[in-house]
Structure formats: C-alpha cells, structure tokens
C-alpha cells in the first residue's frame, strides 16, 4: 500500500473510533437521564395511587361524621363539616323509593343521608 492510502486509513479509523467513543458517552448520559425521569414518574404514580386510596378513606370518614351528626344532632361536627364545605342533608324520600326519585341530585359538597 502506498503511504497516502495508509495515512487516509489511519485518520479514517481514528475519526470513527472517536465518534464511537462520543456515542458511548452520549448513550451513558441518556441512560442516567432516563433513570432519573423514570424515578420521578414512579414517584408521581405512587402519589396518585395513594391519593385514590386516601380519597376513599376520606369519603368514608365524612359519611361516618355525617351519620353522627344526624343521629346525635351534634352541632360541633356539623360546623366542622360546614367549615370544610360539606353540607349534611337529610333525604326525605318515601320508603322504598330510589334515591333519584327524591328530586334533583345534591350539589357537590353535600352528603345526602336517609333518615
């Protein structure tokens, strides 16, 4: 081979090796970035799952407090619920009638309970 061909082959292989090294470094950076984004998404998903569970528990707690208000006519608990935007309503529908037959559905933040 001629000297010129060897020189071109040397520089071409050097450039290709350098390019592959840059690509390996870029791949490593992207992997680390992907791991941090994945950890953040997993954390947000866990928060959403826990929020759903706590929402159910919160609804049951509000229903229990509303039942205590109706049973004992406890004004302190009624005021506590009202301060949080929850109004306790007594459903006056006839016995055996479906809840929707009592009229319009309650506004948000109201707890309809049968007496």
PDB file of N, CA and C in Angstrom:
ATOM      1  N   UNK A   1       0.848  -1.177   0.000  1.00  0.00           N
ATOM      2  CA  UNK A   1       0.000   0.000   0.000  1.00  0.00           C
ATOM      3  C   UNK A   1       0.889   1.233   0.000  1.00  0.00           C
ATOM      4  N   UNK A   2       0.331   2.214  -0.533  1.00  0.00           N
ATOM      5  CA  UNK A   2       1.091   3.454  -0.597  1.00  0.00           C
ATOM      6  C   UNK A   2       0.962   4.182   0.717  1.00  0.00           C
ATOM      7  N   UNK A   3       1.832   5.106   0.951  1.00  0.00           N
ATOM      8  CA  UNK A   3       1.871   5.893   2.178  1.00  0.00           C
ATOM      9  C   UNK A   3       0.622   6.753   2.309  1.00  0.00           C
ATOM     10  N   UNK A   4       0.136   7.282   1.201  1.00  0.00           N
ATOM     11  CA  UNK A   4      -1.061   8.120   1.221  1.00  0.00           C
ATOM     12  C   UNK A   4      -2.283   7.300   1.621  1.00  0.00           C
ATOM     13  N   UNK A   5      -2.389   6.072   1.120  1.00  0.00           N
ATOM     14  CA  UNK A   5      -3.512   5.212   1.485  1.00  0.00           C
ATOM     15  C   UNK A   5      -3.472   4.848   2.961  1.00  0.00           C
ATOM     16  N   UNK A   6      -2.278   4.579   3.486  1.00  0.00           N
ATOM     17  CA  UNK A   6      -2.137   4.257   4.915  1.00  0.00           C
ATOM     18  C   UNK A   6      -2.521   5.449   5.778  1.00  0.00           C
ATOM     19  N   UNK A   7      -2.146   6.644   5.349  1.00  0.00           N
ATOM     20  CA  UNK A   7      -2.462   7.850   6.110  1.00  0.00           C
ATOM     21  C   UNK A   7      -3.974   8.082   6.142  1.00  0.00           C
ATOM     22  N   UNK A   8      -4.630   7.904   5.012  1.00  0.00           N
ATOM     23  CA  UNK A   8      -6.084   8.089   4.960  1.00  0.00           C
ATOM     24  C   UNK A   8      -6.775   7.030   5.816  1.00  0.00           C
ATOM     25  N   UNK A   9      -6.317   5.789   5.736  1.00  0.00           N
ATOM     26  CA  UNK A   9      -6.892   4.712   6.532  1.00  0.00           C
ATOM     27  C   UNK A   9      -6.702   4.985   8.024  1.00  0.00           C
ATOM     28  N   UNK A  10      -5.539   5.475   8.409  1.00  0.00           N
ATOM     29  CA  UNK A  10      -5.262   5.804   9.818  1.00  0.00           C
ATOM     30  C   UNK A  10      -6.214   6.880  10.321  1.00  0.00           C
ATOM     31  N   UNK A  11      -6.345   7.966   9.569  1.00  0.00           N
ATOM     32  CA  UNK A  11      -7.195   9.073  10.026  1.00  0.00           C
ATOM     33  C   UNK A  11      -8.674   8.694   9.995  1.00  0.00           C
ATOM     34  N   UNK A  12      -9.078   7.913   9.041  1.00  0.00           N
ATOM     35  CA  UNK A  12     -10.475   7.479   8.987  1.00  0.00           C
ATOM     36  C   UNK A  12     -10.815   6.600  10.179  1.00  0.00           C
ATOM     37  N   UNK A  13      -9.934   5.659  10.502  1.00  0.00           N
ATOM     38  CA  UNK A  13     -10.187   4.797  11.657  1.00  0.00           C
ATOM     39  C   UNK A  13     -10.108   5.580  12.965  1.00  0.00           C
ATOM     40  N   UNK A  14      -9.240   6.577  13.046  1.00  0.00           N
ATOM     41  CA  UNK A  14      -9.150   7.421  14.246  1.00  0.00           C
ATOM     42  C   UNK A  14     -10.443   8.227  14.428  1.00  0.00           C
ATOM     43  N   UNK A  15     -10.948   8.779  13.343  1.00  0.00           N
ATOM     44  CA  UNK A  15     -12.195   9.568  13.417  1.00  0.00           C
ATOM     45  C   UNK A  15     -13.367   8.661  13.799  1.00  0.00           C
ATOM     46  N   UNK A  16     -13.444   7.472  13.189  1.00  0.00           N
ATOM     47  CA  UNK A  16     -14.526   6.554  13.527  1.00  0.00           C
ATOM     48  C   UNK A  16     -14.439   6.087  14.977  1.00  0.00           C
ATOM     49  N   UNK A  17     -13.253   5.848  15.489  1.00  0.00           N
ATOM     50  CA  UNK A  17     -13.083   5.446  16.889  1.00  0.00           C
ATOM     51  C   UNK A  17     -13.486   6.580  17.823  1.00  0.00           C
ATOM     52  N   UNK A  18     -13.114   7.805  17.478  1.00  0.00           N
ATOM     53  CA  UNK A  18     -13.504   8.956  18.291  1.00  0.00           C
ATOM     54  C   UNK A  18     -15.017   9.139  18.286  1.00  0.00           C
ATOM     55  N   UNK A  19     -15.623   8.980  17.117  1.00  0.00           N
ATOM     56  CA  UNK A  19     -17.074   9.106  17.010  1.00  0.00           C
ATOM     57  C   UNK A  19     -17.781   8.043  17.847  1.00  0.00           C
ATOM     58  N   UNK A  20     -17.267   6.821  17.816  1.00  0.00           N
ATOM     59  CA  UNK A  20     -17.887   5.762  18.625  1.00  0.00           C
ATOM     60  C   UNK A  20     -17.722   6.048  20.114  1.00  0.00           C
ATOM     61  N   UNK A  21     -16.615   6.629  20.515  1.00  0.00           N
ATOM     62  CA  UNK A  21     -16.407   6.997  21.915  1.00  0.00           C
ATOM     63  C   UNK A  21     -17.384   8.098  22.329  1.00  0.00           C
ATOM     64  N   UNK A  22     -17.608   9.079  21.466  1.00  0.00           N
ATOM     65  CA  UNK A  22     -18.574  10.148  21.759  1.00  0.00           C
ATOM     66  C   UNK A  22     -19.979   9.557  21.874  1.00  0.00           C
ATOM     67  N   UNK A  23     -20.327   8.617  21.020  1.00  0.00           N
ATOM     68  CA  UNK A  23     -21.639   7.989  21.080  1.00  0.00           C
ATOM     69  C   UNK A  23     -21.827   7.169  22.355  1.00  0.00           C
ATOM     70  N   UNK A  24     -20.781   6.514  22.811  1.00  0.00           N
ATOM     71  CA  UNK A  24     -20.868   5.756  24.067  1.00  0.00           C
ATOM     72  C   UNK A  24     -21.112   6.706  25.237  1.00  0.00           C
ATOM     73  N   UNK A  25     -20.415   7.841  25.257  1.00  0.00           N
ATOM     74  CA  UNK A  25     -20.601   8.823  26.324  1.00  0.00           C
ATOM     75  C   UNK A  25     -22.017   9.404  26.262  1.00  0.00           C
ATOM     76  N   UNK A  26     -22.500   9.717  25.077  1.00  0.00           N
ATOM     77  CA  UNK A  26     -23.859  10.253  24.926  1.00  0.00           C
ATOM     78  C   UNK A  26     -24.897   9.226  25.369  1.00  0.00           C
ATOM     79  N   UNK A  27     -24.690   7.970  25.045  1.00  0.00           N
ATOM     80  CA  UNK A  27     -25.596   6.912  25.474  1.00  0.00           C
ATOM     81  C   UNK A  27     -25.625   6.803  26.995  1.00  0.00           C
ATOM     82  N   UNK A  28     -24.472   6.895  27.635  1.00  0.00           N
ATOM     83  CA  UNK A  28     -24.406   6.829  29.097  1.00  0.00           C
ATOM     84  C   UNK A  28     -25.171   7.988  29.735  1.00  0.00           C
ATOM     85  N   UNK A  29     -25.018   9.181  29.176  1.00  0.00           N
ATOM     86  CA  UNK A  29     -25.729  10.355  29.701  1.00  0.00           C
ATOM     87  C   UNK A  29     -27.238  10.161  29.547  1.00  0.00           C
ATOM     88  N   UNK A  30     -27.672   9.655  28.407  1.00  0.00           N
ATOM     89  CA  UNK A  30     -29.098   9.436  28.188  1.00  0.00           C
ATOM     90  C   UNK A  30     -29.661   8.361  29.116  1.00  0.00           C
ATOM     91  N   UNK A  31     -28.887   7.334  29.391  1.00  0.00           N
ATOM     92  CA  UNK A  31     -29.328   6.287  30.319  1.00  0.00           C
ATOM     93  C   UNK A  31     -29.524   6.867  31.714  1.00  0.00           C
ATOM     94  N   UNK A  32     -28.573   7.677  32.180  1.00  0.00           N
ATOM     95  CA  UNK A  32     -28.701   8.284  33.511  1.00  0.00           C
ATOM     96  C   UNK A  32     -29.888   9.239  33.563  1.00  0.00           C
ATOM     97  N   UNK A  33     -30.084   9.995  32.508  1.00  0.00           N
ATOM     98  CA  UNK A  33     -31.212  10.921  32.458  1.00  0.00           C
ATOM     99  C   UNK A  33     -32.530  10.155  32.460  1.00  0.00           C
ATOM    100  N   UNK A  34     -32.596   9.074  31.720  1.00  0.00           N
ATOM    101  CA  UNK A  34     -33.799   8.250  31.658  1.00  0.00           C
ATOM    102  C   UNK A  34     -34.110   7.649  33.020  1.00  0.00           C
ATOM    103  N   UNK A  35     -33.109   7.223  33.757  1.00  0.00           N
ATOM    104  CA  UNK A  35     -33.329   6.651  35.076  1.00  0.00           C
ATOM    105  C   UNK A  35     -33.903   7.686  36.036  1.00  0.00           C
ATOM    106  N   UNK A  36     -33.419   8.920  35.976  1.00  0.00           N
ATOM    107  CA  UNK A  36     -33.935   9.941  36.878  1.00  0.00           C
ATOM    108  C   UNK A  36     -35.372  10.317  36.510  1.00  0.00           C
ATOM    109  N   UNK A  37     -35.678  10.375  35.221  1.00  0.00           N
ATOM    110  CA  UNK A  37     -37.052  10.677  34.797  1.00  0.00           C
ATOM    111  C   UNK A  37     -37.974   9.534  35.197  1.00  0.00           C
ATOM    112  N   UNK A  38     -37.526   8.319  35.024  1.00  0.00           N
ATOM    113  CA  UNK A  38     -38.336   7.154  35.406  1.00  0.00           C
ATOM    114  C   UNK A  38     -38.601   7.143  36.907  1.00  0.00           C
ATOM    115  N   UNK A  39     -37.608   7.484  37.709  1.00  0.00           N
ATOM    116  CA  UNK A  39     -37.804   7.538  39.161  1.00  0.00           C
ATOM    117  C   UNK A  39     -38.831   8.605  39.531  1.00  0.00           C
ATOM    118  N   UNK A  40     -38.789   9.751  38.849  1.00  0.00           N
ATOM    119  CA  UNK A  40     -39.763  10.813  39.114  1.00  0.00           C
ATOM    120  C   UNK A  40     -41.173  10.379  38.714  1.00  0.00           C
ATOM    121  N   UNK A  41     -41.311   9.708  37.579  1.00  0.00           N
ATOM    122  CA  UNK A  41     -42.627   9.228  37.138  1.00  0.00           C
ATOM    123  C   UNK A  41     -43.155   8.176  38.104  1.00  0.00           C
ATOM    124  N   UNK A  42     -42.297   7.282  38.569  1.00  0.00           N
ATOM    125  CA  UNK A  42     -42.715   6.269  39.532  1.00  0.00           C
ATOM    126  C   UNK A  42     -43.184   6.911  40.831  1.00  0.00           C
ATOM    127  N   UNK A  43     -42.492   7.961  41.262  1.00  0.00           N
ATOM    128  CA  UNK A  43     -42.874   8.663  42.485  1.00  0.00           C
ATOM    129  C   UNK A  43     -44.240   9.338  42.312  1.00  0.00           C
ATOM    130  N   UNK A  44     -44.473   9.950  41.170  1.00  0.00           N
ATOM    131  CA  UNK A  44     -45.775  10.585  40.917  1.00  0.00           C
ATOM    132  C   UNK A  44     -46.893   9.546  40.844  1.00  0.00           C
ATOM    133  N   UNK A  45     -46.618   8.398  40.224  1.00  0.00           N
ATOM    134  CA  UNK A  45     -47.621   7.348  40.139  1.00  0.00           C
ATOM    135  C   UNK A  45     -47.968   6.817  41.529  1.00  0.00           C
ATOM    136  N   UNK A  46     -46.968   6.668  42.378  1.00  0.00           N
ATOM    137  CA  UNK A  46     -47.212   6.218  43.746  1.00  0.00           C
ATOM    138  C   UNK A  46     -48.071   7.230  44.492  1.00  0.00           C
ATOM    139  N   UNK A  47     -47.806   8.518  44.295  1.00  0.00           N
ATOM    140  CA  UNK A  47     -48.602   9.567  44.928  1.00  0.00           C
ATOM    141  C   UNK A  47     -50.056   9.494  44.473  1.00  0.00           C
ATOM    142  N   UNK A  48     -50.270   9.292  43.165  1.00  0.00           N
ATOM    143  CA  UNK A  48     -51.632   9.191  42.648  1.00  0.00           C
ATOM    144  C   UNK A  48     -52.355   7.976  43.227  1.00  0.00           C
ATOM    145  N   UNK A  49     -51.672   6.850  43.296  1.00  0.00           N
ATOM    146  CA  UNK A  49     -52.284   5.645  43.859  1.00  0.00           C
ATOM    147  C   UNK A  49     -52.660   5.851  45.320  1.00  0.00           C
ATOM    148  N   UNK A  50     -51.775   6.487  46.089  1.00  0.00           N
ATOM    149  CA  UNK A  50     -52.068   6.747  47.494  1.00  0.00           C
ATOM    150  C   UNK A  50     -53.197   7.761  47.636  1.00  0.00           C
ATOM    151  N   UNK A  51     -53.271   8.730  46.734  1.00  0.00           N
ATOM    152  CA  UNK A  51     -54.344   9.733  46.787  1.00  0.00           C
ATOM    153  C   UNK A  51     -55.700   9.084  46.564  1.00  0.00           C
ATOM    154  N   UNK A  52     -55.771   8.126  45.660  1.00  0.00           N
ATOM    155  CA  UNK A  52     -57.026   7.426  45.396  1.00  0.00           C
ATOM    156  C   UNK A  52     -57.454   6.655  46.643  1.00  0.00           C
ATOM    157  N   UNK A  53     -56.507   5.976  47.281  1.00  0.00           N
ATOM    158  CA  UNK A  53     -56.827   5.223  48.493  1.00  0.00           C
ATOM    159  C   UNK A  53     -57.277   6.158  49.610  1.00  0.00           C
ATOM    160  N   UNK A  54     -56.591   7.281  49.761  1.00  0.00           N
ATOM    161  CA  UNK A  54     -56.957   8.231  50.809  1.00  0.00           C
ATOM    162  C   UNK A  54     -58.279   8.914  50.500  1.00  0.00           C
ATOM    163  N   UNK A  55     -58.608   9.080  49.234  1.00  0.00           N
ATOM    164  CA  UNK A  55     -59.883   9.678  48.857  1.00  0.00           C
ATOM    165  C   UNK A  55     -61.045   8.791  49.302  1.00  0.00           C
ATOM    166  N   UNK A  56     -60.894   7.495  49.106  1.00  0.00           N
ATOM    167  CA  UNK A  56     -61.928   6.559  49.558  1.00  0.00           C
ATOM    168  C   UNK A  56     -62.079   6.615  51.079  1.00  0.00           C
ATOM    169  N   UNK A  57     -60.962   6.623  51.772  1.00  0.00           N
ATOM    170  CA  UNK A  57     -60.987   6.697  53.233  1.00  0.00           C
ATOM    171  C   UNK A  57     -61.604   8.013  53.690  1.00  0.00           C
ATOM    172  N   UNK A  58     -61.274   9.093  53.013  1.00  0.00           N
ATOM    173  CA  UNK A  58     -61.823  10.403  53.343  1.00  0.00           C
ATOM    174  C   UNK A  58     -63.340  10.405  53.171  1.00  0.00           C
ATOM    175  N   UNK A  59     -63.834   9.802  52.096  1.00  0.00           N
ATOM    176  CA  UNK A  59     -65.280   9.743  51.856  1.00  0.00           C
ATOM    177  C   UNK A  59     -65.975   8.942  52.954  1.00  0.00           C
ATOM    178  N   UNK A  60     -65.385   7.824  53.343  1.00  0.00           N
ATOM    179  CA  UNK A  60     -65.976   7.021  54.415  1.00  0.00           C
ATOM    180  C   UNK A  60     -65.979   7.782  55.735  1.00  0.00           C
ATOM    181  N   UNK A  61     -64.930   8.527  56.008  1.00  0.00           N
ATOM    182  CA  UNK A  61     -64.853   9.317  57.235  1.00  0.00           C
ATOM    183  C   UNK A  61     -65.916  10.416  57.246  1.00  0.00           C
ATOM    184  N   UNK A  62     -66.087  11.088  56.129  1.00  0.00           N
ATOM    185  CA  UNK A  62     -67.106  12.143  56.040  1.00  0.00           C
ATOM    186  C   UNK A  62     -68.494  11.547  56.200  1.00  0.00           C
ATOM    187  N   UNK A  63     -68.742  10.396  55.585  1.00  0.00           N
ATOM    188  CA  UNK A  63     -70.045   9.747  55.736  1.00  0.00           C
ATOM    189  C   UNK A  63     -70.296   9.353  57.190  1.00  0.00           C
ATOM    190  N   UNK A  64     -69.282   8.843  57.878  1.00  0.00           N
ATOM    191  CA  UNK A  64     -69.445   8.468  59.282  1.00  0.00           C
ATOM    192  C   UNK A  64     -69.721   9.697  60.143  1.00  0.00           C
ATOM    193  N   UNK A  65     -69.009  10.793  59.884  1.00  0.00           N
ATOM    194  CA  UNK A  65     -69.259  12.019  60.637  1.00  0.00           C
ATOM    195  C   UNK A  65     -70.658  12.555  60.367  1.00  0.00           C
ATOM    196  N   UNK A  66     -71.098  12.479  59.133  1.00  0.00           N
ATOM    197  CA  UNK A  66     -72.447  12.946  58.799  1.00  0.00           C
ATOM    198  C   UNK A  66     -73.492  12.083  59.484  1.00  0.00           C
ATOM    199  N   UNK A  67     -73.252  10.787  59.577  1.00  0.00           N
ATOM    200  CA  UNK A  67     -74.189   9.904  60.273  1.00  0.00           C
ATOM    201  C   UNK A  67     -74.261  10.260  61.754  1.00  0.00           C
ATOM    202  N   UNK A  68     -73.123  10.603  62.354  1.00  0.00           N
ATOM    203  CA  UNK A  68     -73.109  11.019  63.766  1.00  0.00           C
ATOM    204  C   UNK A  68     -73.876  12.315  63.939  1.00  0.00           C
ATOM    205  N   UNK A  69     -73.734  13.231  62.994  1.00  0.00           N
ATOM    206  CA  UNK A  69     -74.464  14.499  63.063  1.00  0.00           C
ATOM    207  C   UNK A  69     -75.961  14.230  63.048  1.00  0.00           C
ATOM    208  N   UNK A  70     -76.415  13.358  62.151  1.00  0.00           N
ATOM    209  CA  UNK A  70     -77.845  13.084  62.050  1.00  0.00           C
ATOM    210  C   UNK A  70     -78.369  12.302  63.254  1.00  0.00           C
ATOM    211  N   UNK A  71     -77.561  11.388  63.757  1.00  0.00           N
ATOM    212  CA  UNK A  71     -78.002  10.548  64.871  1.00  0.00           C
ATOM    213  C   UNK A  71     -78.080  11.343  66.170  1.00  0.00           C
ATOM    214  N   UNK A  72     -77.047  12.142  66.449  1.00  0.00           N
ATOM    215  CA  UNK A  72     -76.950  12.832  67.732  1.00  0.00           C
ATOM    216  C   UNK A  72     -77.228  14.328  67.639  1.00  0.00           C
ATOM    217  N   UNK A  73     -77.489  14.826  66.440  1.00  0.00           N
ATOM    218  CA  UNK A  73     -77.673  16.264  66.218  1.00  0.00           C
ATOM    219  C   UNK A  73     -76.496  17.049  66.805  1.00  0.00           C
ATOM    220  N   UNK A  74     -75.291  16.604  66.490  1.00  0.00           N
ATOM    221  CA  UNK A  74     -74.065  17.194  67.017  1.00  0.00           C
ATOM    222  C   UNK A  74     -73.704  18.420  66.179  1.00  0.00           C
ATOM    223  N   UNK A  75     -73.880  19.591  66.772  1.00  0.00           N
ATOM    224  CA  UNK A  75     -73.624  20.829  66.032  1.00  0.00           C
ATOM    225  C   UNK A  75     -72.134  21.090  65.841  1.00  0.00           C
ATOM    226  N   UNK A  76     -71.305  20.610  66.754  1.00  0.00           N
ATOM    227  CA  UNK A  76     -69.856  20.836  66.611  1.00  0.00           C
ATOM    228  C   UNK A  76     -69.331  20.125  65.365  1.00  0.00           C
ATOM    229  N   UNK A  77     -69.746  18.897  65.169  1.00  0.00           N
ATOM    230  CA  UNK A  77     -69.291  18.156  63.981  1.00  0.00           C
ATOM    231  C   UNK A  77     -69.933  18.744  62.729  1.00  0.00           C
ATOM    232  N   UNK A  78     -71.201  19.163  62.829  1.00  0.00           N
ATOM    233  CA  UNK A  78     -71.865  19.790  61.682  1.00  0.00           C
ATOM    234  C   UNK A  78     -71.109  21.057  61.276  1.00  0.00           C
ATOM    235  N   UNK A  79     -70.687  21.858  62.274  1.00  0.00           N
ATOM    236  CA  UNK A  79     -69.921  23.071  61.989  1.00  0.00           C
ATOM    237  C   UNK A  79     -68.550  22.736  61.396  1.00  0.00           C
ATOM    238  N   UNK A  80     -67.937  21.660  61.890  1.00  0.00           N
ATOM    239  CA  UNK A  80     -66.645  21.229  61.351  1.00  0.00           C
ATOM    240  C   UNK A  80     -66.783  20.841  59.881  1.00  0.00           C
ATOM    241  N   UNK A  81     -67.818  20.067  59.570  1.00  0.00           N
ATOM    242  CA  UNK A  81     -68.040  19.681  58.178  1.00  0.00           C
ATOM    243  C   UNK A  81     -68.363  20.905  57.323  1.00  0.00           C
ATOM    244  N   UNK A  82     -69.173  21.815  57.863  1.00  0.00           N
ATOM    245  CA  UNK A  82     -69.534  23.021  57.110  1.00  0.00           C
ATOM    246  C   UNK A  82     -68.313  23.896  56.851  1.00  0.00           C
ATOM    247  N   UNK A  83     -67.392  23.957  57.803  1.00  0.00           N
ATOM    248  CA  UNK A  83     -66.192  24.775  57.595  1.00  0.00           C
ATOM    249  C   UNK A  83     -65.303  24.206  56.491  1.00  0.00           C
ATOM    250  N   UNK A  84     -65.488  22.924  56.184  1.00  0.00           N
ATOM    251  CA  UNK A  84     -64.742  22.290  55.092  1.00  0.00           C
ATOM    252  C   UNK A  84     -65.572  22.178  53.824  1.00  0.00           C
ATOM    253  N   UNK A  85     -66.714  22.884  53.773  1.00  0.00           N
ATOM    254  CA  UNK A  85     -67.515  22.933  52.560  1.00  0.00           C
ATOM    255  C   UNK A  85     -68.434  21.746  52.360  1.00  0.00           C
ATOM    256  N   UNK A  86     -68.753  21.022  53.427  1.00  0.00           N
ATOM    257  CA  UNK A  86     -69.612  19.843  53.319  1.00  0.00           C
ATOM    258  C   UNK A  86     -70.902  20.125  54.075  1.00  0.00           C
ATOM    259  N   UNK A  87     -72.028  19.989  53.372  1.00  0.00           N
ATOM    260  CA  UNK A  87     -73.339  20.216  53.967  1.00  0.00           C
ATOM    261  C   UNK A  87     -74.041  18.875  54.114  1.00  0.00           C
ATOM    262  N   UNK A  88     -74.585  18.608  55.288  1.00  0.00           N
ATOM    263  CA  UNK A  88     -75.287  17.358  55.547  1.00  0.00           C
ATOM    264  C   UNK A  88     -76.770  17.598  55.288  1.00  0.00           C
ATOM    265  N   UNK A  89     -77.342  16.827  54.354  1.00  0.00           N
ATOM    266  CA  UNK A  89     -78.759  16.934  54.016  1.00  0.00           C
ATOM    267  C   UNK A  89     -79.456  15.644  54.388  1.00  0.00           C
ATOM    268  N   UNK A  90     -80.693  15.755  54.862  1.00  0.00           N
ATOM    269  CA  UNK A  90     -81.498  14.578  55.175  1.00  0.00           C
ATOM    270  C   UNK A  90     -82.387  14.307  53.979  1.00  0.00           C
ATOM    271  N   UNK A  91     -82.334  13.094  53.468  1.00  0.00           N
ATOM    272  CA  UNK A  91     -83.137  12.708  52.318  1.00  0.00           C
ATOM    273  C   UNK A  91     -84.527  12.334  52.811  1.00  0.00           C
ATOM    274  N   UNK A  92     -85.527  13.059  52.381  1.00  0.00           N
ATOM    275  CA  UNK A  92     -86.903  12.857  52.834  1.00  0.00           C
ATOM    276  C   UNK A  92     -87.714  12.036  51.840  1.00  0.00           C
ATOM    277  N   UNK A  93     -87.065  11.148  51.071  1.00  0.00           N
ATOM    278  CA  UNK A  93     -87.793  10.374  50.068  1.00  0.00           C
ATOM    279  C   UNK A  93     -88.649   9.324  50.758  1.00  0.00           C
ATOM    280  N   UNK A  94     -89.747   8.911  50.114  1.00  0.00           N
ATOM    281  CA  UNK A  94     -90.602   7.871  50.688  1.00  0.00           C
ATOM    282  C   UNK A  94     -89.857   6.548  50.784  1.00  0.00           C
ATOM    283  N   UNK A  95     -90.308   5.696  51.697  1.00  0.00           N
ATOM    284  CA  UNK A  95     -89.635   4.409  51.907  1.00  0.00           C
ATOM    285  C   UNK A  95     -89.740   3.561  50.648  1.00  0.00           C
ATOM    286  N   UNK A  96     -88.641   2.956  50.264  1.00  0.00           N
ATOM    287  CA  UNK A  96     -88.599   2.078  49.115  1.00  0.00           C
ATOM    288  C   UNK A  96     -88.387   2.787  47.793  1.00  0.00           C
ATOM    289  N   UNK A  97     -88.393   4.119  47.772  1.00  0.00           N
ATOM    290  CA  UNK A  97     -88.182   4.848  46.527  1.00  0.00           C
ATOM    291  C   UNK A  97     -86.694   4.937  46.257  1.00  0.00           C
ATOM    292  N   UNK A  98     -86.306   4.867  45.003  1.00  0.00           N
ATOM    293  CA  UNK A  98     -84.876   5.015  44.695  1.00  0.00           C
ATOM    294  C   UNK A  98     -84.414   6.424  45.020  1.00  0.00           C
ATOM    295  N   UNK A  99     -83.132   6.613  45.333  1.00  0.00           N
ATOM    296  CA  UNK A  99     -82.621   7.934  45.707  1.00  0.00           C
ATOM    297  C   UNK A  99     -82.851   8.987  44.631  1.00  0.00           C
ATOM    298  N   UNK A 100     -82.846   8.609  43.353  1.00  0.00           N
ATOM    299  CA  UNK A 100     -83.027   9.605  42.301  1.00  0.00           C
ATOM    300  C   UNK A 100     -84.462  10.117  42.251  1.00  0.00           C
ATOM    301  N   UNK A 101     -85.434   9.405  42.855  1.00  0.00           N
ATOM    302  CA  UNK A 101     -86.825   9.822  42.831  1.00  0.00           C
ATOM    303  C   UNK A 101     -87.086  10.962  43.810  1.00  0.00           C
ATOM    304  N   UNK A 102     -86.134  11.268  44.675  1.00  0.00           N
ATOM    305  CA  UNK A 102     -86.324  12.305  45.684  1.00  0.00           C
ATOM    306  C   UNK A 102     -86.205  13.695  45.090  1.00  0.00           C
ATOM    307  N   UNK A 103     -85.776  13.813  43.839  1.00  0.00           N
ATOM    308  CA  UNK A 103     -85.633  15.134  43.227  1.00  0.00           C
ATOM    309  C   UNK A 103     -84.282  15.254  42.566  1.00  0.00           C
ATOM    310  N   UNK A 104     -83.795  16.462  42.502  1.00  0.00           N
ATOM    311  CA  UNK A 104     -82.516  16.699  41.843  1.00  0.00           C
ATOM    312  C   UNK A 104     -81.385  16.211  42.719  1.00  0.00           C
ATOM    313  N   UNK A 105     -80.289  15.811  42.129  1.00  0.00           N
ATOM    314  CA  UNK A 105     -79.149  15.360  42.922  1.00  0.00           C
ATOM    315  C   UNK A 105     -78.566  16.532  43.703  1.00  0.00           C
ATOM    316  N   UNK A 106     -77.958  16.255  44.848  1.00  0.00           N
ATOM    317  CA  UNK A 106     -77.410  17.328  45.667  1.00  0.00           C
ATOM    318  C   UNK A 106     -76.215  17.978  44.995  1.00  0.00           C
ATOM    319  N   UNK A 107     -75.966  19.222  45.370  1.00  0.00           N
ATOM    320  CA  UNK A 107     -74.802  19.932  44.851  1.00  0.00           C
ATOM    321  C   UNK A 107     -73.540  19.291  45.404  1.00  0.00           C
ATOM    322  N   UNK A 108     -72.410  19.574  44.751  1.00  0.00           N
ATOM    323  CA  UNK A 108     -71.172  18.975  45.235  1.00  0.00           C
ATOM    324  C   UNK A 108     -70.865  19.496  46.623  1.00  0.00           C
ATOM    325  N   UNK A 109     -70.320  18.645  47.455  1.00  0.00           N
ATOM    326  CA  UNK A 109     -70.004  19.021  48.828  1.00  0.00           C
ATOM    327  C   UNK A 109     -71.142  18.724  49.790  1.00  0.00           C
ATOM    328  N   UNK A 110     -72.215  18.081  49.313  1.00  0.00           N
ATOM    329  CA  UNK A 110     -73.322  17.749  50.201  1.00  0.00           C
ATOM    330  C   UNK A 110     -73.367  16.247  50.376  1.00  0.00           C
ATOM    331  N   UNK A 111     -73.780  15.812  51.538  1.00  0.00           N
ATOM    332  CA  UNK A 111     -73.879  14.402  51.855  1.00  0.00           C
ATOM    333  C   UNK A 111     -75.349  14.083  52.120  1.00  0.00           C
ATOM    334  N   UNK A 112     -76.049  13.453  51.154  1.00  0.00           N
ATOM    335  CA  UNK A 112     -77.437  13.091  51.421  1.00  0.00           C
ATOM    336  C   UNK A 112     -77.494  11.781  52.195  1.00  0.00           C
ATOM    337  N   UNK A 113     -78.204  11.753  53.287  1.00  0.00           N
ATOM    338  CA  UNK A 113     -78.359  10.540  54.083  1.00  0.00           C
ATOM    339  C   UNK A 113     -79.843  10.339  54.360  1.00  0.00           C
ATOM    340  N   UNK A 114     -80.290   9.092  54.309  1.00  0.00           N
ATOM    341  CA  UNK A 114     -81.688   8.809  54.625  1.00  0.00           C
ATOM    342  C   UNK A 114     -81.858   8.828  56.125  1.00  0.00           C
ATOM    343  N   UNK A 115     -83.015   9.341  56.544  1.00  0.00           N
ATOM    344  CA  UNK A 115     -83.297   9.432  57.970  1.00  0.00           C
ATOM    345  C   UNK A 115     -84.070   8.236  58.430  1.00  0.00           C
TER     346      UNK A 115
END
